[in-house]
N, C-alpha and C. Protein backbone atom coordinates (compact mmCIF):
# COMPACT_ATOMS: atom_id res chain seq x y z
N MET A 1 -3.98 12.25 13.65
CA MET A 1 -4.61 11.07 13.07
C MET A 1 -4.97 11.37 11.61
N ILE A 2 -4.74 10.40 10.74
CA ILE A 2 -5.06 10.61 9.33
C ILE A 2 -6.57 10.52 9.12
N ASP A 3 -7.04 11.09 8.03
CA ASP A 3 -8.45 11.03 7.67
C ASP A 3 -8.63 9.77 6.81
N LEU A 4 -9.10 8.68 7.44
CA LEU A 4 -9.22 7.40 6.72
C LEU A 4 -10.24 7.46 5.60
N SER A 5 -11.33 8.20 5.81
CA SER A 5 -12.34 8.27 4.75
C SER A 5 -11.76 8.95 3.52
N ASP A 6 -10.94 9.99 3.73
CA ASP A 6 -10.29 10.66 2.61
C ASP A 6 -9.29 9.72 1.95
N ALA A 7 -8.54 8.99 2.76
CA ALA A 7 -7.55 8.06 2.21
C ALA A 7 -8.22 7.00 1.35
N ARG A 8 -9.31 6.42 1.85
CA ARG A 8 -10.00 5.40 1.07
C ARG A 8 -10.66 6.00 -0.17
N ALA A 9 -11.16 7.23 -0.07
CA ALA A 9 -11.77 7.90 -1.22
C ALA A 9 -10.74 8.10 -2.33
N ARG A 10 -9.52 8.48 -1.94
CA ARG A 10 -8.46 8.68 -2.93
C ARG A 10 -8.12 7.38 -3.66
N MET A 11 -8.34 6.26 -2.98
CA MET A 11 -8.08 4.96 -3.61
C MET A 11 -9.34 4.44 -4.31
N GLY A 12 -10.44 5.21 -4.29
CA GLY A 12 -11.67 4.81 -4.95
C GLY A 12 -12.39 3.68 -4.23
N ARG A 13 -12.22 3.57 -2.91
CA ARG A 13 -12.77 2.42 -2.19
C ARG A 13 -13.58 2.84 -0.97
N GLU A 14 -14.18 4.01 -1.01
CA GLU A 14 -14.96 4.46 0.12
C GLU A 14 -16.35 3.83 0.11
N ASN A 15 -16.81 3.47 1.27
CA ASN A 15 -18.18 2.98 1.47
C ASN A 15 -18.58 1.83 0.56
N LEU A 16 -17.65 0.98 0.20
CA LEU A 16 -17.98 -0.17 -0.62
C LEU A 16 -18.38 -1.32 0.29
N VAL A 17 -19.58 -1.86 0.04
CA VAL A 17 -20.08 -2.98 0.83
C VAL A 17 -20.70 -3.98 -0.15
N LEU A 18 -20.42 -5.26 0.08
CA LEU A 18 -20.95 -6.32 -0.76
C LEU A 18 -22.48 -6.25 -0.76
N PRO A 19 -23.11 -6.11 -1.95
CA PRO A 19 -24.56 -5.94 -1.99
C PRO A 19 -25.35 -7.26 -1.95
N ASP A 20 -24.68 -8.37 -2.13
CA ASP A 20 -25.36 -9.66 -2.26
C ASP A 20 -26.04 -10.09 -0.96
N PRO A 21 -27.15 -10.82 -1.09
CA PRO A 21 -27.73 -11.44 0.10
C PRO A 21 -26.87 -12.64 0.53
N VAL A 22 -27.08 -13.08 1.76
CA VAL A 22 -26.39 -14.28 2.23
C VAL A 22 -26.86 -15.45 1.38
N PRO A 23 -25.93 -16.19 0.77
CA PRO A 23 -26.35 -17.33 -0.06
C PRO A 23 -26.96 -18.44 0.81
N PRO A 24 -27.94 -19.15 0.27
CA PRO A 24 -28.54 -20.24 1.05
C PRO A 24 -27.54 -21.39 1.24
N HIS A 25 -27.47 -21.89 2.47
CA HIS A 25 -26.61 -23.02 2.78
C HIS A 25 -27.03 -23.56 4.14
N PRO A 26 -27.06 -24.88 4.32
CA PRO A 26 -27.50 -25.45 5.61
C PRO A 26 -26.71 -24.94 6.81
N LEU A 27 -25.42 -24.68 6.65
CA LEU A 27 -24.63 -24.18 7.78
C LEU A 27 -24.98 -22.74 8.15
N LEU A 28 -25.57 -22.02 7.20
CA LEU A 28 -25.86 -20.61 7.43
C LEU A 28 -27.31 -20.34 7.81
N ASP A 29 -28.18 -21.30 7.60
CA ASP A 29 -29.61 -21.10 7.87
C ASP A 29 -29.82 -20.66 9.31
N GLY A 30 -30.48 -19.53 9.48
CA GLY A 30 -30.81 -19.02 10.81
C GLY A 30 -29.67 -18.35 11.55
N LYS A 31 -28.50 -18.26 10.93
CA LYS A 31 -27.35 -17.63 11.59
C LYS A 31 -27.42 -16.12 11.38
N PRO A 32 -27.23 -15.34 12.45
CA PRO A 32 -27.30 -13.88 12.30
C PRO A 32 -26.05 -13.31 11.63
N GLU A 33 -26.27 -12.36 10.74
CA GLU A 33 -25.16 -11.64 10.11
C GLU A 33 -24.60 -10.66 11.13
N ILE A 34 -23.28 -10.67 11.32
CA ILE A 34 -22.68 -9.76 12.29
C ILE A 34 -21.69 -8.78 11.65
N GLY A 35 -21.44 -8.94 10.37
CA GLY A 35 -20.54 -8.02 9.69
C GLY A 35 -20.59 -8.19 8.19
N ARG A 36 -20.22 -7.12 7.50
CA ARG A 36 -20.23 -7.14 6.04
C ARG A 36 -19.17 -6.17 5.56
N GLY A 37 -18.40 -6.60 4.58
CA GLY A 37 -17.36 -5.75 4.01
C GLY A 37 -17.49 -5.67 2.51
N GLU A 38 -16.41 -5.26 1.90
CA GLU A 38 -16.38 -5.09 0.45
C GLU A 38 -16.60 -6.41 -0.29
N TYR A 39 -16.02 -7.48 0.24
CA TYR A 39 -16.06 -8.76 -0.46
C TYR A 39 -16.53 -9.91 0.42
N SER A 40 -17.08 -9.61 1.59
CA SER A 40 -17.41 -10.71 2.50
C SER A 40 -18.61 -10.40 3.39
N ILE A 41 -19.18 -11.48 3.90
CA ILE A 41 -20.27 -11.43 4.86
C ILE A 41 -19.87 -12.35 6.01
N VAL A 42 -20.02 -11.87 7.24
CA VAL A 42 -19.66 -12.67 8.41
C VAL A 42 -20.92 -13.00 9.20
N LEU A 43 -21.07 -14.29 9.52
CA LEU A 43 -22.22 -14.74 10.30
C LEU A 43 -21.73 -15.43 11.58
N ASP A 44 -22.48 -15.24 12.64
CA ASP A 44 -22.14 -15.83 13.93
C ASP A 44 -22.47 -17.31 13.91
N LYS A 45 -21.48 -18.15 14.20
CA LYS A 45 -21.73 -19.60 14.24
C LYS A 45 -22.59 -19.99 15.43
N GLY A 46 -22.51 -19.18 16.49
CA GLY A 46 -23.35 -19.44 17.65
C GLY A 46 -22.65 -20.11 18.81
N ASP A 47 -21.35 -20.37 18.66
CA ASP A 47 -20.62 -21.03 19.76
C ASP A 47 -19.72 -20.07 20.53
N GLY A 48 -19.73 -18.79 20.15
CA GLY A 48 -18.92 -17.79 20.83
C GLY A 48 -17.45 -17.80 20.44
N GLU A 49 -17.03 -18.78 19.64
CA GLU A 49 -15.62 -18.92 19.29
C GLU A 49 -15.33 -18.80 17.80
N ARG A 50 -16.32 -19.14 16.97
CA ARG A 50 -16.09 -19.19 15.52
C ARG A 50 -17.17 -18.41 14.77
N VAL A 51 -16.83 -18.05 13.55
CA VAL A 51 -17.77 -17.42 12.64
C VAL A 51 -17.71 -18.13 11.30
N TYR A 52 -18.76 -17.93 10.51
CA TYR A 52 -18.74 -18.33 9.12
C TYR A 52 -18.49 -17.06 8.31
N LYS A 53 -17.54 -17.13 7.40
CA LYS A 53 -17.24 -15.98 6.56
C LYS A 53 -17.47 -16.39 5.11
N VAL A 54 -18.38 -15.70 4.46
CA VAL A 54 -18.68 -15.92 3.05
C VAL A 54 -17.83 -14.92 2.27
N VAL A 55 -16.88 -15.41 1.49
CA VAL A 55 -15.97 -14.52 0.76
C VAL A 55 -16.17 -14.65 -0.75
N SER A 56 -16.14 -13.50 -1.41
CA SER A 56 -16.30 -13.49 -2.86
C SER A 56 -15.02 -13.11 -3.58
N SER A 57 -14.04 -12.61 -2.85
CA SER A 57 -12.80 -12.17 -3.48
C SER A 57 -11.79 -13.31 -3.54
N PRO A 58 -11.23 -13.58 -4.70
CA PRO A 58 -10.15 -14.57 -4.76
C PRO A 58 -9.00 -14.23 -3.83
N ALA A 59 -8.72 -12.94 -3.64
CA ALA A 59 -7.63 -12.53 -2.74
C ALA A 59 -7.89 -13.03 -1.32
N ASP A 60 -9.12 -12.84 -0.83
CA ASP A 60 -9.48 -13.32 0.51
C ASP A 60 -9.40 -14.83 0.58
N TYR A 61 -9.91 -15.49 -0.44
CA TYR A 61 -9.91 -16.95 -0.45
C TYR A 61 -8.47 -17.48 -0.37
N PHE A 62 -7.57 -16.91 -1.16
CA PHE A 62 -6.16 -17.32 -1.10
C PHE A 62 -5.59 -17.06 0.29
N LEU A 63 -5.89 -15.89 0.86
CA LEU A 63 -5.35 -15.53 2.17
C LEU A 63 -5.76 -16.53 3.24
N TYR A 64 -6.98 -17.06 3.13
CA TYR A 64 -7.49 -17.96 4.16
C TYR A 64 -7.18 -19.44 3.89
N THR A 65 -6.88 -19.80 2.65
CA THR A 65 -6.78 -21.24 2.36
C THR A 65 -5.50 -21.71 1.68
N ALA A 66 -4.73 -20.82 1.11
CA ALA A 66 -3.52 -21.25 0.39
C ALA A 66 -2.55 -21.94 1.34
N ALA A 67 -1.89 -22.97 0.85
CA ALA A 67 -0.92 -23.70 1.67
C ALA A 67 0.20 -22.80 2.15
N ASP A 68 0.56 -21.80 1.36
CA ASP A 68 1.65 -20.90 1.73
C ASP A 68 1.14 -19.53 2.22
N ARG A 69 -0.07 -19.51 2.74
CA ARG A 69 -0.64 -18.25 3.23
C ARG A 69 0.11 -17.79 4.49
N PRO A 70 0.03 -16.49 4.78
CA PRO A 70 0.67 -16.03 6.01
C PRO A 70 -0.07 -16.60 7.22
N GLN A 71 0.68 -17.11 8.16
CA GLN A 71 0.10 -17.68 9.37
C GLN A 71 0.88 -17.19 10.57
N GLY A 72 0.33 -17.42 11.73
CA GLY A 72 1.01 -17.02 12.95
C GLY A 72 0.12 -16.17 13.81
N GLU A 73 0.74 -15.59 14.81
CA GLU A 73 0.03 -14.86 15.86
C GLU A 73 -0.87 -13.75 15.35
N HIS A 74 -0.51 -13.11 14.23
CA HIS A 74 -1.24 -11.93 13.76
C HIS A 74 -2.10 -12.18 12.52
N PHE A 75 -2.37 -13.46 12.24
CA PHE A 75 -3.26 -13.80 11.13
C PHE A 75 -4.38 -14.69 11.65
N PRO A 76 -5.55 -14.65 11.01
CA PRO A 76 -6.69 -15.42 11.51
C PRO A 76 -6.46 -16.93 11.44
N ILE A 77 -7.05 -17.61 12.40
CA ILE A 77 -7.04 -19.07 12.41
C ILE A 77 -8.23 -19.55 11.60
N VAL A 78 -7.97 -20.33 10.56
CA VAL A 78 -9.02 -20.88 9.72
C VAL A 78 -9.22 -22.34 10.12
N HIS A 79 -10.48 -22.68 10.41
CA HIS A 79 -10.79 -24.04 10.86
C HIS A 79 -11.25 -24.95 9.73
N ALA A 80 -11.96 -24.38 8.74
CA ALA A 80 -12.48 -25.23 7.66
C ALA A 80 -12.81 -24.40 6.42
N ASP A 81 -12.62 -25.01 5.28
CA ASP A 81 -13.05 -24.47 3.99
C ASP A 81 -14.23 -25.35 3.56
N HIS A 82 -15.43 -24.79 3.60
CA HIS A 82 -16.63 -25.55 3.28
C HIS A 82 -17.00 -25.48 1.79
N GLY A 83 -16.11 -24.91 0.99
CA GLY A 83 -16.29 -24.95 -0.45
C GLY A 83 -17.12 -23.82 -1.04
N VAL A 84 -17.42 -23.97 -2.33
CA VAL A 84 -18.19 -22.97 -3.07
C VAL A 84 -19.67 -23.15 -2.75
N ILE A 85 -20.34 -22.03 -2.43
CA ILE A 85 -21.76 -22.10 -2.06
C ILE A 85 -22.63 -21.17 -2.90
N GLY A 86 -22.13 -20.72 -4.02
CA GLY A 86 -22.91 -19.83 -4.88
C GLY A 86 -21.98 -18.90 -5.64
N ARG A 87 -22.59 -17.88 -6.22
CA ARG A 87 -21.81 -16.92 -7.01
C ARG A 87 -22.29 -15.51 -6.69
N ALA A 88 -21.33 -14.60 -6.49
CA ALA A 88 -21.63 -13.21 -6.18
C ALA A 88 -22.04 -12.46 -7.44
N GLN A 89 -22.66 -11.31 -7.26
CA GLN A 89 -23.03 -10.46 -8.39
C GLN A 89 -21.79 -10.05 -9.19
N SER A 90 -20.65 -10.03 -8.54
CA SER A 90 -19.40 -9.67 -9.22
C SER A 90 -18.96 -10.74 -10.22
N GLY A 91 -19.54 -11.94 -10.11
CA GLY A 91 -19.15 -13.05 -10.97
C GLY A 91 -18.22 -14.04 -10.29
N TYR A 92 -17.63 -13.64 -9.17
CA TYR A 92 -16.74 -14.53 -8.43
C TYR A 92 -17.55 -15.52 -7.61
N PRO A 93 -17.01 -16.71 -7.40
CA PRO A 93 -17.72 -17.68 -6.55
C PRO A 93 -17.69 -17.26 -5.08
N PHE A 94 -18.75 -17.62 -4.37
CA PHE A 94 -18.78 -17.46 -2.92
C PHE A 94 -18.15 -18.70 -2.30
N HIS A 95 -17.18 -18.50 -1.43
CA HIS A 95 -16.58 -19.59 -0.66
C HIS A 95 -17.00 -19.42 0.79
N LEU A 96 -17.28 -20.53 1.46
CA LEU A 96 -17.66 -20.49 2.87
C LEU A 96 -16.48 -20.96 3.72
N ILE A 97 -15.99 -20.06 4.56
CA ILE A 97 -14.85 -20.31 5.42
C ILE A 97 -15.32 -20.28 6.88
N GLU A 98 -14.87 -21.25 7.66
CA GLU A 98 -15.13 -21.25 9.10
C GLU A 98 -13.84 -20.85 9.79
N MET A 99 -13.91 -19.78 10.57
CA MET A 99 -12.69 -19.24 11.17
C MET A 99 -12.94 -18.73 12.57
N GLU A 100 -11.85 -18.38 13.25
CA GLU A 100 -11.97 -17.85 14.61
C GLU A 100 -12.74 -16.53 14.60
N ARG A 101 -13.43 -16.28 15.69
CA ARG A 101 -14.13 -15.02 15.85
C ARG A 101 -13.13 -13.95 16.28
N LEU A 102 -13.15 -12.84 15.57
CA LEU A 102 -12.31 -11.69 15.90
C LEU A 102 -13.22 -10.53 16.28
N TYR A 103 -12.64 -9.52 16.91
CA TYR A 103 -13.42 -8.42 17.45
C TYR A 103 -12.89 -7.08 16.95
N PRO A 104 -13.80 -6.09 16.85
CA PRO A 104 -13.33 -4.74 16.49
C PRO A 104 -12.33 -4.23 17.53
N LEU A 105 -11.45 -3.38 17.07
CA LEU A 105 -10.45 -2.80 17.96
C LEU A 105 -11.13 -1.93 19.01
N LYS A 106 -10.77 -2.11 20.26
CA LYS A 106 -11.30 -1.28 21.35
C LYS A 106 -10.50 0.01 21.41
N ALA A 107 -11.22 1.12 21.47
CA ALA A 107 -10.56 2.43 21.55
C ALA A 107 -9.59 2.45 22.72
N ASP A 108 -8.45 3.06 22.51
CA ASP A 108 -7.42 3.23 23.53
C ASP A 108 -6.79 1.93 24.01
N SER A 109 -7.01 0.83 23.29
CA SER A 109 -6.34 -0.43 23.64
C SER A 109 -4.98 -0.45 22.97
N PRO A 110 -4.04 -1.27 23.48
CA PRO A 110 -2.74 -1.40 22.81
C PRO A 110 -2.89 -1.83 21.35
N ALA A 111 -3.84 -2.72 21.06
CA ALA A 111 -4.04 -3.17 19.67
C ALA A 111 -4.50 -2.02 18.79
N ALA A 112 -5.41 -1.18 19.30
CA ALA A 112 -5.89 -0.03 18.52
C ALA A 112 -4.77 0.98 18.31
N ASP A 113 -3.97 1.21 19.34
CA ASP A 113 -2.84 2.14 19.19
C ASP A 113 -1.85 1.63 18.15
N LEU A 114 -1.57 0.33 18.19
CA LEU A 114 -0.65 -0.27 17.22
C LEU A 114 -1.25 -0.18 15.81
N ALA A 115 -2.53 -0.50 15.68
CA ALA A 115 -3.20 -0.42 14.37
C ALA A 115 -3.14 1.00 13.82
N THR A 116 -3.37 1.99 14.67
CA THR A 116 -3.32 3.39 14.24
C THR A 116 -1.93 3.73 13.72
N ARG A 117 -0.90 3.30 14.42
CA ARG A 117 0.47 3.56 13.98
C ARG A 117 0.74 2.89 12.63
N LEU A 118 0.30 1.64 12.47
CA LEU A 118 0.51 0.93 11.20
C LEU A 118 -0.23 1.63 10.06
N ILE A 119 -1.47 2.01 10.31
CA ILE A 119 -2.28 2.68 9.29
C ILE A 119 -1.62 4.00 8.89
N GLU A 120 -1.20 4.78 9.87
CA GLU A 120 -0.58 6.08 9.57
C GLU A 120 0.73 5.91 8.79
N TYR A 121 1.54 4.95 9.20
CA TYR A 121 2.80 4.71 8.52
C TYR A 121 2.54 4.21 7.09
N TYR A 122 1.59 3.31 6.96
CA TYR A 122 1.24 2.78 5.63
C TYR A 122 0.73 3.89 4.72
N TRP A 123 -0.17 4.74 5.23
CA TRP A 123 -0.72 5.83 4.42
C TRP A 123 0.38 6.81 4.02
N SER A 124 1.28 7.11 4.93
CA SER A 124 2.39 8.00 4.62
C SER A 124 3.24 7.40 3.50
N ALA A 125 3.50 6.09 3.59
CA ALA A 125 4.28 5.42 2.54
C ALA A 125 3.52 5.40 1.22
N CYS A 126 2.20 5.20 1.29
CA CYS A 126 1.38 5.24 0.05
C CYS A 126 1.50 6.60 -0.61
N GLN A 127 1.42 7.65 0.17
CA GLN A 127 1.53 9.00 -0.39
C GLN A 127 2.91 9.20 -1.03
N GLN A 128 3.94 8.67 -0.39
CA GLN A 128 5.29 8.78 -0.93
C GLN A 128 5.40 8.10 -2.29
N TRP A 129 4.69 6.97 -2.46
CA TRP A 129 4.77 6.19 -3.70
C TRP A 129 3.53 6.36 -4.58
N SER A 130 2.77 7.42 -4.38
CA SER A 130 1.49 7.58 -5.10
C SER A 130 1.66 7.69 -6.61
N ARG A 131 2.83 8.13 -7.06
CA ARG A 131 3.04 8.24 -8.52
C ARG A 131 3.03 6.87 -9.20
N LEU A 132 3.10 5.80 -8.41
CA LEU A 132 3.07 4.45 -8.97
C LEU A 132 1.65 3.92 -9.14
N GLY A 133 0.66 4.74 -8.84
CA GLY A 133 -0.74 4.35 -9.02
C GLY A 133 -1.12 3.17 -8.14
N MET A 134 -1.75 2.17 -8.74
CA MET A 134 -2.23 1.01 -7.97
C MET A 134 -1.11 0.24 -7.29
N ASP A 135 0.10 0.37 -7.77
CA ASP A 135 1.23 -0.33 -7.15
C ASP A 135 1.73 0.34 -5.87
N MET A 136 1.20 1.53 -5.56
CA MET A 136 1.72 2.25 -4.40
C MET A 136 1.54 1.46 -3.11
N GLY A 137 0.42 0.74 -2.96
CA GLY A 137 0.19 -0.03 -1.74
C GLY A 137 1.19 -1.15 -1.58
N ARG A 138 1.49 -1.85 -2.66
CA ARG A 138 2.48 -2.93 -2.62
C ARG A 138 3.85 -2.39 -2.22
N ILE A 139 4.23 -1.29 -2.84
CA ILE A 139 5.54 -0.69 -2.55
C ILE A 139 5.55 -0.13 -1.12
N ALA A 140 4.46 0.48 -0.70
CA ALA A 140 4.38 1.02 0.67
C ALA A 140 4.54 -0.09 1.70
N LEU A 141 3.88 -1.21 1.47
CA LEU A 141 3.99 -2.33 2.40
C LEU A 141 5.42 -2.86 2.41
N TYR A 142 6.01 -3.03 1.24
CA TYR A 142 7.39 -3.48 1.17
C TYR A 142 8.31 -2.51 1.92
N HIS A 143 8.07 -1.20 1.73
CA HIS A 143 8.84 -0.16 2.41
C HIS A 143 8.78 -0.35 3.93
N MET A 144 7.63 -0.78 4.43
CA MET A 144 7.47 -1.01 5.88
C MET A 144 8.29 -2.21 6.34
N THR A 145 8.59 -3.13 5.43
CA THR A 145 9.36 -4.31 5.83
C THR A 145 10.86 -4.06 5.80
N VAL A 146 11.32 -3.16 4.94
CA VAL A 146 12.76 -2.89 4.85
C VAL A 146 13.18 -1.71 5.71
N ASN A 147 12.22 -0.95 6.19
CA ASN A 147 12.46 0.15 7.12
C ASN A 147 11.64 -0.12 8.38
N PRO A 148 12.10 -1.04 9.19
CA PRO A 148 11.28 -1.50 10.32
C PRO A 148 10.77 -0.36 11.21
N LEU A 149 9.55 -0.54 11.65
CA LEU A 149 8.92 0.39 12.57
C LEU A 149 9.35 0.08 13.99
N ASP A 150 9.02 0.95 14.88
CA ASP A 150 9.28 0.70 16.29
C ASP A 150 8.10 -0.11 16.84
N ILE A 151 8.07 -1.39 16.46
CA ILE A 151 7.00 -2.31 16.87
C ILE A 151 7.65 -3.63 17.28
N ASN A 152 6.85 -4.51 17.87
CA ASN A 152 7.44 -5.78 18.30
C ASN A 152 7.77 -6.65 17.08
N ASP A 153 8.66 -7.59 17.30
CA ASP A 153 9.17 -8.43 16.21
C ASP A 153 8.07 -9.25 15.54
N SER A 154 7.10 -9.72 16.31
CA SER A 154 6.06 -10.57 15.71
C SER A 154 5.21 -9.78 14.71
N VAL A 155 4.93 -8.51 14.98
CA VAL A 155 4.18 -7.69 14.03
C VAL A 155 5.04 -7.38 12.81
N GLN A 156 6.32 -7.11 13.03
CA GLN A 156 7.22 -6.86 11.90
C GLN A 156 7.30 -8.10 11.00
N GLN A 157 7.37 -9.28 11.60
CA GLN A 157 7.39 -10.52 10.83
C GLN A 157 6.07 -10.73 10.08
N ALA A 158 4.96 -10.33 10.69
CA ALA A 158 3.66 -10.44 10.03
C ALA A 158 3.60 -9.52 8.82
N LEU A 159 4.13 -8.32 8.94
CA LEU A 159 4.18 -7.41 7.79
C LEU A 159 5.00 -8.01 6.65
N LYS A 160 6.12 -8.63 6.99
CA LYS A 160 6.96 -9.28 5.97
C LYS A 160 6.21 -10.43 5.30
N ALA A 161 5.52 -11.26 6.11
CA ALA A 161 4.75 -12.37 5.55
C ALA A 161 3.63 -11.86 4.64
N LEU A 162 2.98 -10.77 5.05
CA LEU A 162 1.92 -10.18 4.23
C LEU A 162 2.49 -9.63 2.93
N SER A 163 3.62 -8.95 3.01
CA SER A 163 4.26 -8.41 1.81
C SER A 163 4.64 -9.53 0.84
N ASP A 164 5.20 -10.61 1.36
CA ASP A 164 5.57 -11.75 0.51
C ASP A 164 4.33 -12.35 -0.15
N PHE A 165 3.23 -12.48 0.60
CA PHE A 165 1.99 -13.01 0.06
C PHE A 165 1.45 -12.11 -1.05
N VAL A 166 1.46 -10.81 -0.82
CA VAL A 166 0.98 -9.84 -1.82
C VAL A 166 1.75 -10.00 -3.13
N GLU A 167 3.06 -10.15 -3.03
CA GLU A 167 3.89 -10.31 -4.23
C GLU A 167 3.63 -11.64 -4.91
N GLU A 168 3.54 -12.71 -4.14
CA GLU A 168 3.35 -14.05 -4.70
C GLU A 168 2.00 -14.20 -5.40
N TYR A 169 0.95 -13.62 -4.83
CA TYR A 169 -0.41 -13.82 -5.35
C TYR A 169 -0.92 -12.65 -6.18
N HIS A 170 -0.10 -11.64 -6.37
CA HIS A 170 -0.46 -10.48 -7.21
C HIS A 170 -1.78 -9.86 -6.75
N VAL A 171 -1.91 -9.69 -5.44
CA VAL A 171 -3.05 -9.00 -4.87
C VAL A 171 -2.54 -7.69 -4.29
N LEU A 172 -3.45 -6.86 -3.80
CA LEU A 172 -3.07 -5.57 -3.25
C LEU A 172 -3.34 -5.54 -1.75
N PRO A 173 -2.48 -4.89 -0.99
CA PRO A 173 -2.71 -4.81 0.45
C PRO A 173 -3.74 -3.74 0.80
N ASP A 174 -4.44 -3.96 1.88
CA ASP A 174 -5.36 -2.94 2.40
C ASP A 174 -5.29 -2.95 3.92
N ILE A 175 -4.42 -2.13 4.43
CA ILE A 175 -4.40 -1.94 5.88
C ILE A 175 -4.75 -0.50 6.24
N LEU A 176 -5.41 0.20 5.31
CA LEU A 176 -5.91 1.55 5.61
C LEU A 176 -7.21 1.49 6.39
N ASN A 177 -7.98 0.46 6.17
CA ASN A 177 -9.28 0.34 6.81
C ASN A 177 -9.12 -0.35 8.15
N ALA A 178 -9.47 0.33 9.22
CA ALA A 178 -9.32 -0.25 10.56
C ALA A 178 -10.15 -1.52 10.70
N ASN A 179 -11.19 -1.71 9.88
CA ASN A 179 -11.99 -2.94 9.93
C ASN A 179 -11.19 -4.14 9.44
N ASN A 180 -10.10 -3.91 8.75
CA ASN A 180 -9.25 -5.01 8.27
C ASN A 180 -8.18 -5.39 9.28
N LEU A 181 -8.14 -4.66 10.37
CA LEU A 181 -7.26 -4.95 11.50
C LEU A 181 -8.17 -5.14 12.70
N MET A 182 -8.18 -6.33 13.24
CA MET A 182 -9.08 -6.63 14.36
C MET A 182 -8.26 -7.19 15.52
N MET A 183 -8.94 -7.71 16.52
CA MET A 183 -8.22 -8.25 17.66
C MET A 183 -8.91 -9.49 18.19
N ARG A 184 -8.11 -10.31 18.88
CA ARG A 184 -8.66 -11.45 19.61
C ARG A 184 -9.12 -10.97 20.98
N LYS A 185 -9.82 -11.84 21.69
CA LYS A 185 -10.26 -11.50 23.04
C LYS A 185 -9.10 -11.10 23.93
N ASP A 186 -7.92 -11.70 23.69
CA ASP A 186 -6.77 -11.41 24.54
C ASP A 186 -6.04 -10.12 24.15
N GLY A 187 -6.57 -9.41 23.13
CA GLY A 187 -5.99 -8.13 22.73
C GLY A 187 -4.96 -8.21 21.63
N THR A 188 -4.69 -9.40 21.10
CA THR A 188 -3.71 -9.54 20.01
C THR A 188 -4.24 -8.92 18.73
N LEU A 189 -3.44 -8.07 18.11
CA LEU A 189 -3.79 -7.47 16.83
C LEU A 189 -3.73 -8.55 15.75
N VAL A 190 -4.77 -8.59 14.87
CA VAL A 190 -4.84 -9.59 13.80
C VAL A 190 -5.12 -8.87 12.47
N PHE A 191 -4.32 -9.22 11.46
CA PHE A 191 -4.58 -8.74 10.10
C PHE A 191 -5.71 -9.62 9.55
N SER A 192 -6.94 -9.19 9.77
CA SER A 192 -8.10 -10.04 9.50
C SER A 192 -8.46 -10.11 8.03
N ASP A 193 -8.26 -9.05 7.30
CA ASP A 193 -8.74 -8.99 5.91
C ASP A 193 -7.88 -7.98 5.14
N PRO A 194 -6.57 -8.19 5.07
CA PRO A 194 -5.67 -7.13 4.62
C PRO A 194 -5.33 -7.11 3.13
N VAL A 195 -6.13 -7.78 2.28
CA VAL A 195 -5.82 -7.81 0.85
C VAL A 195 -7.08 -7.63 0.02
N PHE A 196 -6.89 -7.20 -1.22
CA PHE A 196 -8.00 -7.09 -2.17
C PHE A 196 -7.46 -7.25 -3.58
N ILE A 197 -8.39 -7.35 -4.53
CA ILE A 197 -7.99 -7.39 -5.93
C ILE A 197 -8.45 -6.12 -6.60
N ALA A 198 -7.70 -5.66 -7.59
CA ALA A 198 -8.04 -4.40 -8.26
C ALA A 198 -9.23 -4.61 -9.19
């Protein structure tokens, strides 16, 4: 197994968590925070099926709302874009997205095993293309699409859709962090938050 903390440290992205408080909004009042990442805050909607995700990264916003965003079995279902609800300390606007609830990968589950294989293959490809600096992730992801892995077709198609999105929107992929790969209740692997901006 690769050392993910070392991998993220080499990319300068270890232990980064959005420092902002939850912005005030009627839909969020009284909702418990259940997760926080580099560019987002996730709150429980309270119905067991959906969450509110406050995103500050334009990359995340495009991924969840663009008409040509990657969709399908391995991407999150977005139910509503509730618009801009404030501004992050980074200067980017906060967007409120209502989406399906996803779950952390369960150890020893097929989704976790698949995620581990994807992460390891991606990291290996990043190391191969490390001389390209920040572009190594884009090239590594593309490399995964032209040299198919021993995975099911739907995941291979999802990687291709993600690679196309990365190129179209000039964002960077992030599938090194297992928190960016989650699962549905039924065990389906989902690329929940696989992009960032430099």
